[in-house]
Amino acid sequence: MTQIKRSGILMYFDMKPVLERLSDHEVKELLLAILDYGENGVVPEFHSATLACFWPLLASRMDADRERYQQRWNPTAAPPAHAGPPT
């Protein structure tokens, strides 16, 4: 499937409690990693064990968002396997 260029990523409010527990440096590192992964697919290498543990959860959510976006905006894409008949 052809990748459609997106202009941004989704951020969720349920991330706020996690971000509040991080240092300012970790928040900056995580935010830049999120943007780089969302734009270029670059998987970060964190120096912080906390960020390294949190990243797989965040990346899987970003991947699911990307897939939903591709399905929605790519008219030639097959519908998701769980999709019912068109209404």
Protein backbone atom coordinates (compact mmCIF):
# COMPACT_ATOMS: atom_id res chain seq x y z
CA MET A 1 0.00 0.00 0.00
CA THR A 2 1.25 3.48 -0.83
CA GLN A 3 1.97 5.54 2.27
CA ILE A 4 0.04 8.79 2.40
CA LYS A 5 2.06 11.69 3.83
CA ARG A 6 0.48 12.95 7.03
CA SER A 7 0.85 16.46 8.39
CA GLY A 8 0.96 15.43 12.04
CA ILE A 9 0.27 12.85 14.72
CA LEU A 10 -2.39 12.35 17.36
CA MET A 11 -1.67 13.04 21.03
CA TYR A 12 -3.95 11.61 23.70
CA PHE A 13 -4.91 13.09 27.06
CA ASP A 14 -4.21 9.79 28.82
CA MET A 15 -0.51 10.42 28.17
CA LYS A 16 -0.55 13.44 30.47
CA PRO A 17 -0.09 11.52 33.77
CA VAL A 18 2.95 9.77 32.29
CA LEU A 19 4.44 13.01 31.00
CA GLU A 20 3.93 14.68 34.38
CA ARG A 21 6.14 12.03 36.02
CA LEU A 22 9.03 12.57 33.61
CA SER A 23 11.82 15.10 33.93
CA ASP A 24 11.80 18.07 31.56
CA HIS A 25 14.69 16.48 29.67
CA GLU A 26 12.79 13.19 29.28
CA VAL A 27 9.65 14.98 28.07
CA LYS A 28 11.67 16.82 25.43
CA GLU A 29 13.45 13.62 24.38
CA LEU A 30 10.15 11.74 24.15
CA LEU A 31 8.37 14.50 22.23
CA LEU A 32 11.17 14.74 19.67
CA ALA A 33 11.18 10.93 19.34
CA ILE A 34 7.41 10.92 18.80
CA LEU A 35 7.68 13.52 16.05
CA ASP A 36 10.62 11.79 14.35
CA TYR A 37 8.89 8.40 14.48
CA GLY A 38 5.62 9.86 13.23
CA GLU A 39 7.23 11.74 10.36
CA ASN A 40 10.10 9.46 9.32
CA GLY A 41 9.56 6.12 11.05
CA VAL A 42 12.82 6.43 13.00
CA VAL A 43 12.78 4.17 16.06
CA PRO A 44 14.49 5.99 18.93
CA GLU A 45 17.25 4.69 21.17
CA PHE A 46 16.62 6.12 24.62
CA HIS A 47 19.20 6.54 27.37
CA SER A 48 16.40 6.50 29.95
CA ALA A 49 15.10 3.10 31.00
CA THR A 50 11.74 4.72 31.74
CA LEU A 51 11.37 6.00 28.18
CA ALA A 52 12.61 2.72 26.73
CA CYS A 53 9.90 0.87 28.70
CA PHE A 54 7.15 3.32 27.73
CA TRP A 55 8.06 3.53 24.04
CA PRO A 56 6.63 0.18 22.78
CA LEU A 57 3.18 1.11 24.12
CA LEU A 58 3.33 4.52 22.52
CA ALA A 59 4.72 3.22 19.21
CA SER A 60 1.97 0.59 18.91
CA ARG A 61 -0.66 3.29 19.39
CA MET A 62 1.02 5.49 16.78
CA ASP A 63 1.19 2.54 14.36
CA ALA A 64 -2.53 1.86 14.83
CA ASP A 65 -3.31 5.55 14.24
CA ARG A 66 -1.20 5.52 11.08
CA GLU A 67 -2.99 2.43 9.80
CA ARG A 68 -6.43 3.94 10.47
CA TYR A 69 -5.36 7.11 8.65
CA GLN A 70 -4.11 5.11 5.66
CA GLN A 71 -7.35 3.14 5.52
CA ARG A 72 -9.46 6.26 5.74
CA TRP A 73 -7.63 8.40 3.18
CA ASN A 74 -6.47 5.77 0.67
CA PRO A 75 -9.44 5.03 -1.62
CA THR A 76 -7.73 1.92 -3.06
CA ALA A 77 -7.08 0.34 0.34
CA ALA A 78 -8.97 -2.79 1.26
CA PRO A 79 -11.33 -2.36 4.22
CA PRO A 80 -10.05 -3.65 7.58
CA ALA A 81 -10.73 -7.34 8.21
CA HIS A 82 -13.22 -6.52 11.00
CA ALA A 83 -15.23 -4.09 8.86
CA GLY A 84 -18.78 -5.03 8.09
CA PRO A 85 -20.59 -4.42 4.82
CA PRO A 86 -20.91 -0.81 3.65
CA THR A 87 -23.99 1.01 4.89
